[in-house]
Each structure stands twice: as structure tokens, then as C-alpha cells.
Protein backbone atom coordinates (compact mmCIF):
# COMPACT_ATOMS: atom_id res chain seq x y z
CA MET A 1 -56.58 57.51 -7.89
CA HIS A 2 -57.76 57.06 -4.38
CA ALA A 3 -61.15 58.51 -3.49
CA THR A 4 -59.65 60.59 -0.71
CA PHE A 5 -57.14 62.38 -2.98
CA GLU A 6 -57.48 63.88 -6.45
CA LEU A 7 -54.15 64.18 -8.29
CA ILE A 8 -53.90 67.34 -10.38
CA ARG A 9 -50.21 67.53 -11.32
CA PHE A 10 -47.30 65.21 -10.65
CA GLN A 11 -44.20 66.39 -12.48
CA LEU A 12 -40.46 65.67 -12.36
CA THR A 13 -37.86 68.30 -13.28
CA PRO A 14 -34.10 67.53 -13.32
CA ALA A 15 -32.31 70.06 -11.13
CA SER A 16 -28.77 68.77 -11.61
CA GLY A 17 -26.97 65.64 -12.74
CA ALA A 18 -27.98 63.79 -9.54
CA VAL A 19 -31.10 65.52 -8.13
CA ALA A 20 -34.60 65.91 -9.49
CA VAL A 21 -37.41 68.08 -8.14
CA ILE A 22 -40.84 66.43 -8.00
CA GLU A 23 -43.81 68.81 -7.80
CA LEU A 24 -47.15 67.52 -6.55
CA GLU A 25 -50.58 69.18 -6.74
CA GLY A 26 -53.73 67.50 -5.56
CA ARG A 27 -56.99 68.02 -3.80
CA PRO A 28 -57.36 65.89 -0.66
CA ALA A 29 -60.81 65.06 0.62
CA ALA A 30 -59.89 66.36 4.06
CA PRO A 31 -57.40 68.88 5.35
CA VAL A 32 -53.85 67.56 5.66
CA ALA A 33 -52.24 67.74 9.06
CA GLY A 34 -48.48 67.98 8.88
CA ARG A 35 -46.03 67.72 6.05
CA PRO A 36 -46.72 65.03 3.40
CA VAL A 37 -44.12 62.36 2.64
CA LEU A 38 -43.35 60.87 -0.81
CA LEU A 39 -42.25 57.22 -0.85
CA LEU A 40 -39.99 55.97 -3.70
CA GLU A 41 -39.26 52.25 -3.95
CA GLY A 42 -36.88 50.98 -6.64
CA PRO A 43 -35.39 47.57 -7.45
CA VAL A 44 -32.36 48.28 -5.27
CA GLU A 45 -33.36 50.92 -2.73
CA ALA A 46 -36.38 52.60 -1.17
CA ILE A 47 -36.46 56.13 0.35
CA GLU A 48 -38.93 58.46 2.07
CA LEU A 49 -38.88 62.11 0.93
CA PRO A 50 -40.57 64.76 3.10
CA ALA A 51 -41.74 67.92 1.34
CA ILE A 52 -38.96 70.48 1.05
CA VAL A 53 -41.42 73.38 1.57
CA GLU A 54 -44.59 73.76 3.53
CA PRO A 55 -47.57 72.61 1.52
CA ASP A 56 -49.57 75.32 -0.01
CA GLY A 57 -53.28 75.35 -0.89
CA ASP A 58 -55.27 76.00 2.23
CA ALA A 59 -57.29 78.73 0.50
CA ASP A 60 -58.55 76.76 -2.50
CA GLY A 61 -58.23 73.28 -0.95
CA VAL A 62 -55.38 72.22 -3.32
CA LEU A 63 -52.27 70.61 -1.82
CA ARG A 64 -49.03 71.84 -3.41
CA ALA A 65 -45.71 70.23 -2.32
CA SER A 66 -42.21 69.82 -3.75
CA PHE A 67 -39.79 66.97 -3.12
CA ALA A 68 -36.06 66.57 -3.85
CA ALA A 69 -35.32 63.01 -5.06
CA PRO A 70 -32.31 61.21 -6.53
CA LEU A 71 -32.53 61.60 -10.27
CA GLU A 72 -31.58 57.99 -11.09
CA LEU A 73 -34.18 56.56 -8.72
CA ALA A 74 -36.86 59.05 -9.79
CA VAL A 75 -36.54 58.38 -13.53
CA ASP A 76 -36.20 54.62 -13.15
CA ASP A 77 -39.13 52.88 -14.84
CA ALA A 78 -39.16 50.25 -12.10
CA THR A 79 -39.59 52.80 -9.32
CA THR A 80 -42.99 53.03 -7.68
CA PHE A 81 -44.40 56.14 -5.96
CA ALA A 82 -46.71 56.52 -2.97
CA LEU A 83 -47.90 59.47 -0.88
CA SER A 84 -48.36 59.51 2.86
CA LEU A 85 -50.72 62.12 4.27
CA GLY A 86 -50.44 61.98 8.02
CA ARG A 87 -51.82 58.86 9.63
CA GLY A 88 -54.01 57.85 6.74
CA PRO A 89 -53.28 55.04 4.30
CA LEU A 90 -50.61 55.28 1.59
CA LEU A 91 -51.84 56.72 -1.66
CA GLU A 92 -50.36 55.06 -4.72
CA LEU A 93 -49.23 57.54 -7.39
CA PRO A 94 -48.39 57.03 -11.06
CA ALA A 95 -44.96 57.81 -12.45
CA PRO A 96 -44.39 61.58 -12.62
CA ASP A 97 -44.45 63.44 -15.90
CA ASP A 98 -41.04 64.45 -17.18
CA VAL A 99 -40.33 68.05 -18.08
CA GLY A 100 -37.67 68.15 -20.76
CA ASP A 101 -37.97 64.42 -21.36
CA ALA A 102 -35.22 64.63 -23.93
CA THR A 103 -32.74 66.41 -21.68
CA LEU A 104 -29.32 64.91 -21.27
CA GLU A 105 -29.72 64.38 -17.51
CA VAL A 106 -32.85 62.26 -17.92
CA ARG A 107 -31.32 60.16 -20.69
CA LEU A 108 -28.18 59.65 -18.69
CA ALA A 109 -30.17 58.79 -15.58
CA ARG A 110 -32.29 56.29 -17.46
CA THR A 111 -29.20 54.79 -19.07
CA VAL A 112 -27.57 54.51 -15.68
CA ASN A 113 -30.72 52.93 -14.27
CA ALA A 114 -30.89 50.47 -17.15
CA LEU A 115 -27.25 49.64 -16.59
CA ARG A 116 -27.91 49.25 -12.88
CA ARG A 117 -30.82 46.93 -13.58
CA GLU A 118 -28.66 44.91 -15.92
CA LEU A 119 -25.92 44.91 -13.33
CA HIS A 120 -28.40 43.81 -10.69
CA VAL A 121 -29.69 41.04 -12.96
CA THR A 122 -26.15 40.07 -13.87
CA ARG A 123 -25.18 40.00 -10.24
CA SER A 124 -28.21 37.87 -9.43
CA GLN A 125 -27.39 35.49 -12.27
CA LEU A 126 -23.76 35.51 -11.27
CA ALA A 127 -24.72 34.83 -7.68
CA ASP A 128 -26.90 31.96 -8.85
CA GLU A 129 -24.12 30.64 -11.04
CA VAL A 130 -21.62 31.09 -8.23
CA GLY A 131 -23.97 29.23 -5.90
CA VAL A 132 -24.38 26.43 -8.42
CA THR A 133 -20.64 26.38 -9.00
CA ARG A 134 -19.99 26.33 -5.29
CA ARG A 135 -22.44 23.47 -4.85
CA ARG A 136 -20.82 21.59 -7.71
CA LEU A 137 -17.39 22.30 -6.30
CA ALA A 138 -18.55 21.15 -2.88
CA GLU A 139 -20.00 17.98 -4.38
CA ARG A 140 -16.83 17.41 -6.37
CA ASP A 141 -14.72 18.05 -3.28
CA GLU A 142 -16.82 15.56 -1.36
CA GLN A 143 -16.49 13.03 -4.17
CA VAL A 144 -12.75 13.64 -4.40
CA ALA A 145 -12.50 13.32 -0.62
CA ARG A 146 -14.40 10.03 -0.76
CA GLU A 147 -12.18 8.79 -3.59
CA ILE A 148 -9.06 9.87 -1.70
CA ALA A 149 -10.34 8.14 1.43
CA ALA A 150 -11.09 5.01 -0.60
CA GLU A 151 -7.64 5.17 -2.20
CA ARG A 152 -6.06 5.67 1.20
CA GLU A 153 -7.97 2.71 2.58
CA GLY A 154 -6.94 0.64 -0.44
CA ALA A 155 -3.35 1.80 -0.09
CA ALA A 156 -3.42 1.00 3.63
CA ALA A 157 -4.85 -2.44 2.90
CA ALA A 158 -2.28 -3.02 0.16
CA ARG A 159 0.50 -1.81 2.46
CA ALA A 160 -0.73 -4.10 5.24
CA GLU A 161 -0.92 -7.01 2.78
CA ALA A 162 2.57 -6.22 1.49
CA GLU A 163 3.91 -6.02 5.04
CA ARG A 164 2.22 -9.31 5.87
CA ARG A 165 3.70 -10.98 2.80
CA ALA A 166 7.11 -9.48 3.54
CA ALA A 167 6.91 -10.77 7.12
CA ALA A 168 5.87 -14.21 5.84
CA ALA A 169 8.73 -14.15 3.32
CA ARG A 170 11.18 -13.15 6.05
CA GLU A 171 9.91 -15.90 8.32
CA GLN A 172 10.15 -18.42 5.51
CA ALA A 173 13.66 -17.19 4.63
CA GLU A 174 14.67 -17.42 8.29
CA ARG A 175 13.22 -20.94 8.54
CA GLN A 176 14.98 -21.92 5.33
CA ALA A 177 18.24 -20.39 6.55
CA ALA A 178 17.85 -22.21 9.88
CA ALA A 179 17.12 -25.44 8.01
CA GLU A 180 20.17 -24.89 5.83
CA ARG A 181 22.29 -24.18 8.89
CA ASP A 182 20.96 -27.31 10.56
CA ALA A 183 21.59 -29.29 7.40
CA ALA A 184 25.11 -27.87 7.16
CA ALA A 185 25.74 -28.70 10.81
CA ALA A 186 24.32 -32.19 10.27
CA ALA A 187 26.48 -32.57 7.16
CA VAL A 188 29.55 -31.48 9.11
CA ALA A 189 28.68 -33.89 11.92
CA GLU A 190 28.06 -36.68 9.40
CA ARG A 191 31.33 -35.86 7.69
CA ASP A 192 33.17 -35.98 11.00
CA ARG A 193 31.46 -39.26 11.82
CA LEU A 194 32.31 -40.72 8.44
CA ARG A 195 35.86 -39.50 8.77
CA ALA A 196 36.08 -41.15 12.15
CA GLU A 197 34.63 -44.33 10.68
CA LEU A 198 37.10 -44.04 7.79
CA ASP A 199 39.96 -43.65 10.25
CA ASP A 200 38.70 -46.68 12.19
CA ALA A 201 38.37 -48.61 8.93
CA ARG A 202 41.88 -47.62 7.95
CA GLU A 203 43.20 -48.74 11.33
CA GLU A 204 41.27 -51.98 11.01
CA LEU A 205 42.63 -52.36 7.48
CA ASP A 206 46.15 -51.83 8.77
CA GLU A 207 45.50 -54.43 11.45
CA LEU A 208 44.10 -56.83 8.86
CA ARG A 209 47.08 -56.18 6.65
CA GLY A 210 49.34 -56.99 9.60
CA GLU A 211 47.34 -60.11 10.35
CA LEU A 212 47.49 -61.04 6.66
CA ALA A 213 51.26 -60.57 6.61
CA SER A 214 51.57 -62.64 9.77
CA ALA A 215 49.30 -65.30 8.29
CA ARG A 216 51.35 -65.34 5.11
CA ALA A 217 54.53 -65.65 7.15
CA ARG A 218 53.02 -68.52 9.13
CA ILE A 219 51.84 -70.16 5.92
CA ALA A 220 55.33 -69.84 4.47
CA ALA A 221 56.86 -71.23 7.65
CA LEU A 222 54.38 -74.10 7.76
CA GLU A 223 54.89 -74.87 4.08
CA SER A 224 58.63 -74.82 4.64
CA ALA A 225 58.27 -77.07 7.66
CA ALA A 226 55.98 -79.43 5.75
CA ALA A 227 58.40 -79.59 2.81
CA THR A 228 61.28 -80.30 5.15
CA HIS A 229 59.28 -83.07 6.88
CA ARG A 230 58.40 -84.78 3.60
CA MET A 231 61.85 -84.60 2.07
CA PRO A 232 63.71 -88.07 2.48
CA ARG A 233 66.87 -87.94 4.50
CA THR A 234 70.01 -89.18 2.74
CA PRO A 235 72.56 -90.53 5.13
CA ARG A 236 76.05 -89.25 4.73
CA HIS A 237 77.61 -92.70 5.22
CA PRO A 238 75.90 -95.87 4.31
CA PRO A 239 74.78 -97.68 7.39
CA PRO A 240 76.53 -100.95 8.23
CA ARG A 241 74.92 -103.90 6.88
CA ARG A 242 73.02 -105.66 9.52
CA HIS A 243 70.59 -108.42 9.71
CA PRO A 244 67.33 -107.55 8.36
CA ARG A 245 64.92 -106.50 10.95
CA PRO A 246 61.29 -107.16 10.88
CA PRO A 247 59.14 -104.34 9.83
CA ARG A 248 58.29 -101.82 12.44
CA PRO A 249 55.08 -102.17 14.15
CA LEU A 250 52.24 -100.02 13.10
CA ARG A 251 52.75 -97.85 16.12
CA ASP A 252 56.08 -96.74 14.65
CA GLU A 253 54.27 -95.44 11.57
CA GLU A 254 51.67 -93.51 13.54
CA PRO A 255 53.82 -90.42 13.98
CA THR A 256 54.01 -89.93 10.19
CA GLU A 257 50.32 -90.52 9.77
CA GLN A 258 49.63 -88.12 12.65
CA HIS A 259 51.88 -85.37 11.20
CA GLU A 260 50.00 -85.27 7.92
CA PRO A 261 46.51 -84.54 9.45
CA VAL A 262 48.04 -81.82 11.66
CA ALA A 263 49.65 -80.21 8.64
CA ARG A 264 46.42 -80.40 6.70
CA THR A 265 44.54 -78.92 9.66
CA ASN A 266 47.04 -76.07 9.88
CA HIS A 267 46.80 -75.50 6.14
CA ALA A 268 42.99 -75.39 6.31
CA SER A 269 42.96 -72.99 9.26
CA LEU A 270 45.51 -70.77 7.54
CA GLY A 271 43.44 -70.81 4.36
CA ARG A 272 40.35 -69.81 6.24
CA GLY A 273 42.29 -67.04 7.99
CA VAL A 274 43.62 -65.76 4.67
CA ALA A 275 40.15 -65.84 3.17
CA ARG A 276 38.72 -64.03 6.20
CA ALA A 277 41.49 -61.44 6.03
CA ALA A 278 40.89 -60.97 2.30
CA ALA A 279 37.17 -60.61 2.85
CA LEU A 280 37.71 -58.08 5.60
CA MET A 281 40.13 -56.17 3.39
CA VAL A 282 37.62 -56.07 0.54
CA LEU A 283 34.90 -54.98 3.00
CA ALA A 284 37.16 -52.26 4.39
CA LEU A 285 37.99 -51.01 0.88
CA MET A 286 34.29 -50.94 -0.02
CA LEU A 287 33.52 -49.08 3.20
CA ALA A 288 36.30 -46.58 2.50
CA ALA A 289 35.01 -45.99 -1.06
CA LEU A 290 31.47 -45.52 0.29
CA VAL A 291 32.68 -43.03 2.89
CA VAL A 292 34.61 -41.04 0.26
CA LEU A 293 31.55 -40.97 -2.01
CA VAL A 294 29.27 -39.80 0.83
CA LEU A 295 31.77 -37.08 1.79
CA GLN A 296 31.90 -35.83 -1.77
CA VAL A 297 28.10 -35.70 -1.98
CA ARG A 298 27.84 -33.92 1.39
CA VAL A 299 30.45 -31.34 0.45
CA VAL A 300 28.77 -30.62 -2.89
């Protein structure tokens, strides 16, 4: 106890289920000016209780005061008590003595206080756990957000790569289609050209066939003329017998000798013409076969 105050009695009496009366008796070292105040500080709340009646004890120097306090706070083992006497320092007091310690109100109040302390501890633990859970959830949310951002970036990169490949494939397909169209147009042009060449070859073949027919007709006519020239003439009536004449001069025989080289020359020229016509015909047939083969390959 403080040297300036001697505690004589400090007692708690339950007045109802929620209120307790605390009676204080003590001998201060100096007279008390004003009404004393009792301070109660628990784990959850702290209150200041002024004396409910004027202090008594001026005659014998003993301070007597009564205070009305909440029963649960007053009987709580964790509650501390202090006394304020005017402007002086706070005087720490021990826990009050209980009157009827075994009464139902005190037991209930202490049970309630114990439950409140447990509730307070549970709330503190729960708050700590909630804080830890919130931190973990925040960390997990951040990690999930980072993973989602990374997946989005990867998906965006994959989508860009796919679009790039699709664009390249389209460009390649367009180039291939253009090349195929150009090749088809070139094939059509080549086919038209080959057809024109085939038509020209056919016309030339027809001309060569005409020339060959004409050459054959000329050969036949020349052979007929040559056979007629070589055949001896038989007179219808024997000529009158005359005096033998001397043989004709050599100049008379020149026409016969001259006819034979001319016939040979004509035969040689006709042979060369026939050979040339045959060669041209074979060449035209080969060209026609080549054109047909090329057209078949182009069409396929």
C-alpha cells in the first residue's frame, strides 16, 4: 500500500445480476478534498467510478466510500483497481474481497468473464488467422494474377505466331494459285500455239501430198512418154524398095542420144522431188505426233 493511504477494508458485494457494490475504508495521510474516484481497468474496457455517497470519516480520519461497478468487470481476475484522491497520484489497490464468494451471481459473473476472455483470445487468434489467411490469399491472388498475365502473354504470342503463320500460308497459297493460273494460262497458250503449228503442219502436209500427187502424175507421164519414145515404130505398109542409102551422119543420131540424157535428168529430178516430198511428209507426221503428245501432257 502507498505510504499516503492505509487500506482498511476493500470489499465487493453483488447487488444484482449486473451490478456490484464496492465498499472502501482507508486512512489517508492527509484530508481528502472532493469525492474519490475508483478506476477499474479490464482486458476489454476501463471505467472510472465516482463514489455514490459522500465519503465519511472526518471525525476519526477514516475514509469510507461506496462505488457501484459492473459485476462482470469487478469480479474479473484480470481487472486492476486504482484510487484517485483529488490531484494526488493514483493509488493502486488489490482485488476486493468477495462477500458471498460462492453466490450464484459471482460464479456467473466469473464464468461470463472467463468466457469473454476466451472469446477475446479466440477473436485475437481468429483475427491473426484471418490476417494470415488474407495475406496468403493476397499472395495467391498476386501469383494467380502473374500466372494469368503470363498465360495471356503466352496466348497473345501464340495467337500472333498463329496469325503470322496463317498469313504466310495464305500468301504462299495465293502465290501457288497465281503460279498455277499462270501455268494454266501458259499451257493454254502453248496448246493454242501447238494447235496452230499442227494446223500449219496439216496444211503443209496437204500441200506436200498435192505436190507428191503431181510429182507422181508427172513421173507417170514422163515414164509413159519415155516408153513411147523407145518403142520401135512398125510401118503399116512396107516401104518401097529403094537403093540403099549410106548411113546417116552422126548428126542424125544426135537427137536420140540427146533425148536419153534429158529423160534421165527428168527421172533424177523427179526422184529427188519424190524423196524430198516423202521426207517432208515423214517430218510432218513426226511433228504432228509430237504436237499431239505435248497436248496430252499439257492437258493432264
